Amino acid sequence: MQGLLSEGIDVRGRQPRQVTRADVERASCIVTFGCDLGALESTGPARHRWDDVPAVSEGYKLARDVILSHLPGLLDEVTRSA
């Protein structure tokens, strides 16, 4: 949480929750970090699997930097399809 707070992102008081089929069906784009959607797999929204993002437990800055390296391409794609 400290890494996010240092970036100005306050997630205190928020709890993670499991993704539902409804979440997947409402999404315009889905990004996973080294995992499949399993039973929630759908042909609907665009999906991206970023297997190169390390676990945050291995280092927040490294994970953040890899995610940031993917964002320009993702934003270009989302913008083109909007």
N, C-alpha and C. Protein backbone atom coordinates (compact mmCIF):
# COMPACT_ATOMS: atom_id res chain seq x y z
N MET A 1 0.82 -1.19 0.00
CA MET A 1 0.00 0.00 0.00
C MET A 1 0.87 1.26 0.00
N GLN A 2 2.04 1.20 0.62
CA GLN A 2 2.91 2.37 0.69
C GLN A 2 3.31 2.85 -0.71
N GLY A 3 3.55 1.92 -1.63
CA GLY A 3 3.91 2.32 -2.98
C GLY A 3 2.81 3.14 -3.64
N LEU A 4 1.58 2.68 -3.51
CA LEU A 4 0.45 3.41 -4.08
C LEU A 4 0.28 4.77 -3.40
N LEU A 5 0.39 4.79 -2.08
CA LEU A 5 0.27 6.06 -1.36
C LEU A 5 1.33 7.06 -1.82
N SER A 6 2.55 6.57 -2.07
CA SER A 6 3.61 7.47 -2.53
C SER A 6 3.32 8.05 -3.91
N GLU A 7 2.44 7.39 -4.65
CA GLU A 7 2.04 7.86 -5.99
C GLU A 7 0.77 8.72 -5.91
N GLY A 8 0.25 8.92 -4.70
CA GLY A 8 -0.97 9.72 -4.53
C GLY A 8 -2.24 8.91 -4.72
N ILE A 9 -2.14 7.59 -4.65
CA ILE A 9 -3.30 6.72 -4.82
C ILE A 9 -3.63 6.11 -3.46
N ASP A 10 -4.75 6.52 -2.88
CA ASP A 10 -5.13 6.08 -1.54
C ASP A 10 -6.17 4.96 -1.64
N VAL A 11 -5.75 3.76 -1.31
CA VAL A 11 -6.67 2.61 -1.35
C VAL A 11 -7.04 2.14 0.05
N ARG A 12 -6.67 2.91 1.05
CA ARG A 12 -7.04 2.54 2.42
C ARG A 12 -8.56 2.44 2.51
N GLY A 13 -9.02 1.42 3.19
CA GLY A 13 -10.46 1.23 3.35
C GLY A 13 -11.10 0.46 2.21
N ARG A 14 -10.35 0.14 1.19
CA ARG A 14 -10.89 -0.63 0.06
C ARG A 14 -10.47 -2.08 0.22
N GLN A 15 -11.34 -2.97 -0.19
CA GLN A 15 -11.06 -4.40 -0.11
C GLN A 15 -11.16 -5.01 -1.50
N PRO A 16 -10.21 -5.86 -1.86
CA PRO A 16 -10.33 -6.55 -3.16
C PRO A 16 -11.56 -7.46 -3.16
N ARG A 17 -12.09 -7.69 -4.31
CA ARG A 17 -13.21 -8.64 -4.44
C ARG A 17 -13.00 -9.47 -5.69
N GLN A 18 -13.63 -10.60 -5.71
CA GLN A 18 -13.50 -11.49 -6.85
C GLN A 18 -14.27 -10.93 -8.04
N VAL A 19 -13.68 -11.04 -9.22
CA VAL A 19 -14.33 -10.60 -10.45
C VAL A 19 -15.50 -11.53 -10.76
N THR A 20 -16.60 -10.96 -11.22
CA THR A 20 -17.79 -11.74 -11.55
C THR A 20 -17.99 -11.78 -13.07
N ARG A 21 -18.84 -12.67 -13.51
CA ARG A 21 -19.20 -12.74 -14.93
C ARG A 21 -19.77 -11.39 -15.39
N ALA A 22 -20.58 -10.77 -14.56
CA ALA A 22 -21.16 -9.47 -14.91
C ALA A 22 -20.06 -8.43 -15.12
N ASP A 23 -19.02 -8.46 -14.28
CA ASP A 23 -17.89 -7.54 -14.46
C ASP A 23 -17.26 -7.74 -15.83
N VAL A 24 -17.03 -9.00 -16.19
CA VAL A 24 -16.40 -9.33 -17.47
C VAL A 24 -17.28 -8.87 -18.62
N GLU A 25 -18.57 -9.11 -18.53
CA GLU A 25 -19.49 -8.74 -19.62
C GLU A 25 -19.62 -7.23 -19.78
N ARG A 26 -19.46 -6.47 -18.70
CA ARG A 26 -19.56 -5.00 -18.78
C ARG A 26 -18.26 -4.35 -19.23
N ALA A 27 -17.17 -5.09 -19.15
CA ALA A 27 -15.85 -4.51 -19.44
C ALA A 27 -15.67 -4.23 -20.93
N SER A 28 -14.96 -3.16 -21.24
CA SER A 28 -14.60 -2.90 -22.64
C SER A 28 -13.22 -3.47 -22.94
N CYS A 29 -12.44 -3.72 -21.91
CA CYS A 29 -11.10 -4.27 -22.06
C CYS A 29 -10.71 -4.92 -20.73
N ILE A 30 -10.03 -6.04 -20.81
CA ILE A 30 -9.58 -6.75 -19.60
C ILE A 30 -8.08 -6.97 -19.70
N VAL A 31 -7.38 -6.64 -18.63
CA VAL A 31 -5.95 -6.90 -18.53
C VAL A 31 -5.73 -7.83 -17.35
N THR A 32 -5.03 -8.93 -17.59
CA THR A 32 -4.65 -9.83 -16.50
C THR A 32 -3.14 -9.85 -16.39
N PHE A 33 -2.68 -10.12 -15.20
CA PHE A 33 -1.25 -10.21 -14.93
C PHE A 33 -0.89 -11.66 -14.68
N GLY A 34 -0.52 -12.36 -15.74
CA GLY A 34 -0.05 -13.73 -15.60
C GLY A 34 -1.09 -14.75 -15.21
N CYS A 35 -2.33 -14.52 -15.59
CA CYS A 35 -3.36 -15.52 -15.28
C CYS A 35 -4.46 -15.48 -16.35
N ASP A 36 -5.21 -16.55 -16.42
CA ASP A 36 -6.36 -16.63 -17.32
C ASP A 36 -7.62 -16.29 -16.53
N LEU A 37 -8.70 -16.06 -17.24
CA LEU A 37 -9.98 -15.78 -16.58
C LEU A 37 -10.69 -17.06 -16.14
N GLY A 38 -10.19 -18.20 -16.57
CA GLY A 38 -10.80 -19.46 -16.16
C GLY A 38 -12.24 -19.56 -16.61
N ALA A 39 -13.12 -19.86 -15.68
CA ALA A 39 -14.54 -20.03 -15.98
C ALA A 39 -15.20 -18.74 -16.45
N LEU A 40 -14.56 -17.62 -16.22
CA LEU A 40 -15.12 -16.32 -16.64
C LEU A 40 -14.70 -15.93 -18.05
N GLU A 41 -13.91 -16.77 -18.70
CA GLU A 41 -13.45 -16.48 -20.06
C GLU A 41 -14.65 -16.18 -20.95
N SER A 42 -14.50 -15.19 -21.79
CA SER A 42 -15.59 -14.72 -22.64
C SER A 42 -15.03 -14.32 -24.00
N THR A 43 -15.87 -14.29 -24.99
CA THR A 43 -15.43 -13.80 -26.30
C THR A 43 -15.70 -12.31 -26.44
N GLY A 44 -16.27 -11.70 -25.42
CA GLY A 44 -16.67 -10.31 -25.47
C GLY A 44 -15.54 -9.31 -25.54
N PRO A 45 -15.13 -8.78 -24.40
CA PRO A 45 -14.18 -7.66 -24.43
C PRO A 45 -12.78 -8.07 -24.85
N ALA A 46 -12.03 -7.09 -25.32
CA ALA A 46 -10.62 -7.31 -25.67
C ALA A 46 -9.88 -7.75 -24.42
N ARG A 47 -8.98 -8.70 -24.57
CA ARG A 47 -8.22 -9.21 -23.43
C ARG A 47 -6.73 -9.09 -23.70
N HIS A 48 -6.02 -8.73 -22.65
CA HIS A 48 -4.57 -8.64 -22.71
C HIS A 48 -4.03 -9.38 -21.50
N ARG A 49 -3.06 -10.24 -21.73
CA ARG A 49 -2.43 -10.97 -20.63
C ARG A 49 -0.98 -10.51 -20.56
N TRP A 50 -0.66 -9.78 -19.51
CA TRP A 50 0.68 -9.24 -19.32
C TRP A 50 1.45 -10.18 -18.38
N ASP A 51 2.09 -11.17 -18.95
CA ASP A 51 2.81 -12.17 -18.16
C ASP A 51 4.13 -11.66 -17.61
N ASP A 52 4.59 -10.53 -18.09
CA ASP A 52 5.89 -10.03 -17.65
C ASP A 52 5.83 -9.11 -16.43
N VAL A 53 4.63 -8.89 -15.89
CA VAL A 53 4.51 -8.03 -14.71
C VAL A 53 4.84 -8.86 -13.47
N PRO A 54 5.90 -8.48 -12.76
CA PRO A 54 6.25 -9.25 -11.56
C PRO A 54 5.26 -8.98 -10.43
N ALA A 55 5.22 -9.87 -9.49
CA ALA A 55 4.37 -9.68 -8.31
C ALA A 55 4.84 -8.44 -7.56
N VAL A 56 3.90 -7.69 -7.04
CA VAL A 56 4.24 -6.49 -6.28
C VAL A 56 5.11 -6.87 -5.08
N SER A 57 4.92 -8.08 -4.57
CA SER A 57 5.75 -8.52 -3.43
C SER A 57 7.23 -8.64 -3.82
N GLU A 58 7.51 -8.71 -5.11
CA GLU A 58 8.90 -8.73 -5.58
C GLU A 58 9.46 -7.32 -5.74
N GLY A 59 8.62 -6.34 -5.59
CA GLY A 59 9.07 -4.95 -5.68
C GLY A 59 8.03 -4.10 -6.38
N TYR A 60 7.48 -3.14 -5.66
CA TYR A 60 6.44 -2.28 -6.20
C TYR A 60 6.93 -1.51 -7.42
N LYS A 61 8.11 -0.90 -7.30
CA LYS A 61 8.61 -0.06 -8.39
C LYS A 61 8.80 -0.85 -9.68
N LEU A 62 9.33 -2.05 -9.59
CA LEU A 62 9.52 -2.87 -10.79
C LEU A 62 8.18 -3.21 -11.43
N ALA A 63 7.21 -3.64 -10.63
CA ALA A 63 5.88 -3.97 -11.16
C ALA A 63 5.25 -2.73 -11.80
N ARG A 64 5.32 -1.60 -11.12
CA ARG A 64 4.76 -0.35 -11.65
C ARG A 64 5.41 0.02 -12.98
N ASP A 65 6.72 -0.10 -13.06
CA ASP A 65 7.43 0.27 -14.28
C ASP A 65 7.03 -0.62 -15.47
N VAL A 66 6.86 -1.91 -15.24
CA VAL A 66 6.44 -2.80 -16.32
C VAL A 66 5.02 -2.46 -16.76
N ILE A 67 4.13 -2.23 -15.81
CA ILE A 67 2.75 -1.85 -16.15
C ILE A 67 2.76 -0.55 -16.96
N LEU A 68 3.53 0.43 -16.50
CA LEU A 68 3.60 1.71 -17.23
C LEU A 68 4.14 1.53 -18.64
N SER A 69 5.03 0.57 -18.84
CA SER A 69 5.57 0.36 -20.19
C SER A 69 4.50 -0.19 -21.14
N HIS A 70 3.49 -0.85 -20.61
CA HIS A 70 2.41 -1.39 -21.44
C HIS A 70 1.31 -0.37 -21.74
N LEU A 71 1.17 0.62 -20.89
CA LEU A 71 0.03 1.53 -21.00
C LEU A 71 -0.08 2.30 -22.32
N PRO A 72 0.99 2.84 -22.89
CA PRO A 72 0.80 3.58 -24.16
C PRO A 72 0.13 2.73 -25.24
N GLY A 73 0.56 1.49 -25.42
CA GLY A 73 -0.06 0.62 -26.42
C GLY A 73 -1.51 0.31 -26.11
N LEU A 74 -1.80 0.06 -24.83
CA LEU A 74 -3.18 -0.22 -24.43
C LEU A 74 -4.06 1.01 -24.65
N LEU A 75 -3.58 2.17 -24.27
CA LEU A 75 -4.38 3.39 -24.45
C LEU A 75 -4.60 3.70 -25.93
N ASP A 76 -3.59 3.46 -26.76
CA ASP A 76 -3.77 3.64 -28.20
C ASP A 76 -4.86 2.72 -28.72
N GLU A 77 -4.83 1.47 -28.30
CA GLU A 77 -5.83 0.49 -28.77
C GLU A 77 -7.24 0.88 -28.30
N VAL A 78 -7.36 1.24 -27.04
CA VAL A 78 -8.67 1.62 -26.50
C VAL A 78 -9.20 2.86 -27.21
N THR A 79 -8.32 3.81 -27.47
CA THR A 79 -8.72 5.04 -28.15
C THR A 79 -9.20 4.75 -29.58
N ARG A 80 -8.49 3.86 -30.28
CA ARG A 80 -8.87 3.52 -31.67
C ARG A 80 -10.22 2.80 -31.72
N SER A 81 -10.52 2.01 -30.71
CA SER A 81 -11.75 1.21 -30.76
C SER A 81 -12.94 1.96 -30.16
N ALA A 82 -12.71 3.14 -29.61
CA ALA A 82 -13.81 3.90 -28.99
C ALA A 82 -14.65 4.61 -30.00
